[in-house]
Protein backbone atom coordinates (compact mmCIF):
# COMPACT_ATOMS: atom_id res chain seq x y z
CA MET A 1 -2.20 15.85 2.68
CA LYS A 2 -1.62 12.14 2.84
CA ARG A 3 -1.38 10.91 6.44
CA PHE A 4 0.78 7.83 5.79
CA LEU A 5 2.86 6.30 3.02
CA LYS A 6 3.28 2.75 1.79
CA ILE A 7 6.45 3.16 -0.25
CA ASN A 8 6.44 -0.04 -2.33
CA ALA A 9 3.67 -2.51 -3.24
CA ALA A 10 5.69 -5.30 -1.53
CA ASP A 11 5.92 -3.44 1.81
CA ASN A 12 4.27 -4.93 4.89
CA VAL A 13 4.68 -1.65 6.82
CA ALA A 14 3.71 1.96 6.16
CA VAL A 15 5.12 5.20 7.57
CA ALA A 16 3.07 7.83 9.41
CA LEU A 17 3.40 11.24 7.70
CA ALA A 18 0.94 13.17 9.87
CA ASP A 19 1.95 14.67 13.20
CA ASP A 20 0.33 11.68 14.88
CA LEU A 21 -1.99 8.86 13.91
CA HIS A 22 -4.27 7.91 16.76
CA GLU A 23 -5.56 4.66 18.19
CA GLY A 24 -9.03 3.96 16.83
CA GLU A 25 -8.46 6.06 13.70
CA THR A 26 -9.55 4.37 10.46
CA LEU A 27 -7.25 4.66 7.43
CA ASP A 28 -7.86 3.70 3.80
CA VAL A 29 -4.90 1.53 2.77
CA GLU A 30 -5.19 0.74 -0.94
CA GLY A 31 -9.00 0.56 -0.72
CA VAL A 32 -9.08 -1.41 2.53
CA ALA A 33 -10.33 0.34 5.69
CA VAL A 34 -8.05 -0.41 8.63
CA THR A 35 -8.28 0.82 12.22
CA LEU A 36 -5.14 1.59 14.25
CA ARG A 37 -4.65 -0.40 17.46
CA GLU A 38 -2.38 2.23 19.02
CA ASP A 39 -0.99 5.73 18.43
CA VAL A 40 1.76 6.06 15.80
CA ALA A 41 4.09 9.09 15.83
CA ARG A 42 5.12 10.84 12.61
CA GLY A 43 7.99 9.05 10.89
CA HIS A 44 7.33 5.71 12.57
CA LYS A 45 6.25 2.48 10.90
CA PHE A 46 3.11 0.45 11.48
CA ALA A 47 2.33 -3.09 10.30
CA LEU A 48 -0.12 -3.40 7.39
CA ARG A 49 -0.68 -7.10 8.02
CA ASP A 50 0.20 -9.62 10.71
CA ILE A 51 3.96 -10.16 10.76
CA ALA A 52 5.11 -13.37 12.44
CA ALA A 53 8.08 -13.48 14.80
CA GLY A 54 11.22 -13.95 12.68
CA GLU A 55 9.48 -12.81 9.47
CA ASN A 56 11.02 -10.05 7.35
CA VAL A 57 9.84 -6.49 7.89
CA VAL A 58 9.68 -5.05 4.36
CA LYS A 59 10.05 -1.34 3.54
CA TYR A 60 11.11 0.16 0.18
CA GLY A 61 10.32 -3.29 -1.26
CA TYR A 62 13.27 -4.81 0.63
CA PRO A 63 13.71 -6.50 4.02
CA ILE A 64 14.96 -4.02 6.63
CA GLY A 65 14.97 -6.47 9.55
CA HIS A 66 13.04 -9.27 11.24
CA ALA A 67 10.10 -9.08 13.63
CA ARG A 68 11.38 -9.91 17.11
CA ASN A 69 7.85 -10.75 18.26
CA PHE A 70 4.50 -11.22 16.55
CA LEU A 71 3.39 -7.83 15.18
CA PRO A 72 -0.38 -7.70 14.69
CA ARG A 73 -1.78 -5.84 11.71
CA ILE A 74 -1.94 -2.09 12.22
CA SER A 75 0.33 -2.06 15.23
CA PHE A 76 3.22 0.33 15.78
CA THR A 77 6.50 -1.41 14.90
CA LYS A 78 8.65 -0.10 17.76
CA ALA A 79 12.38 -0.49 17.26
CA MET A 80 12.38 -2.95 20.16
CA SER A 81 10.00 -5.18 18.15
CA MET A 82 12.38 -5.51 15.21
CA LEU A 83 15.81 -7.08 14.90
CA CYS A 84 18.09 -5.51 12.32
CA GLY A 85 19.54 -8.17 10.08
CA PHE A 86 20.21 -6.29 6.89
CA ILE A 87 21.25 -2.69 7.59
CA CYS A 88 22.41 -2.59 11.21
CA PRO A 89 26.13 -3.40 11.47
CA THR A 90 25.93 -4.65 15.07
CA GLN A 91 23.59 -7.50 14.13
CA ALA A 92 24.18 -7.88 10.38
CA LYS A 93 24.04 -11.33 8.85
CA ILE A 94 26.47 -10.16 6.15
CA PRO A 95 29.57 -8.70 7.79
CA PHE A 96 30.25 -5.04 7.05
CA SER A 97 31.09 -1.88 8.91
CA ILE A 98 30.23 1.78 8.64
CA GLN A 99 33.16 4.17 8.88
């Protein structure tokens, strides 16, 4: 079973599919060996490359928010590290509401 998923070639994050991915574990991401800097729980995202503060976080090939702080490659992208700017109505740049 695959332990993580990069959904689209343009994504700069992947999603953990395994129960847990552990700090120090080495993953093969499209032929590149990468080592996790911290534990990542199933269903959570982790950065595949350095993401600068304010830069788009890309999943499904589309921006899903902005990095609040610098996210180093292979770090867990905690919700507190990302600002929603595209799909979260409370902080959306394009006004809309969910009813």
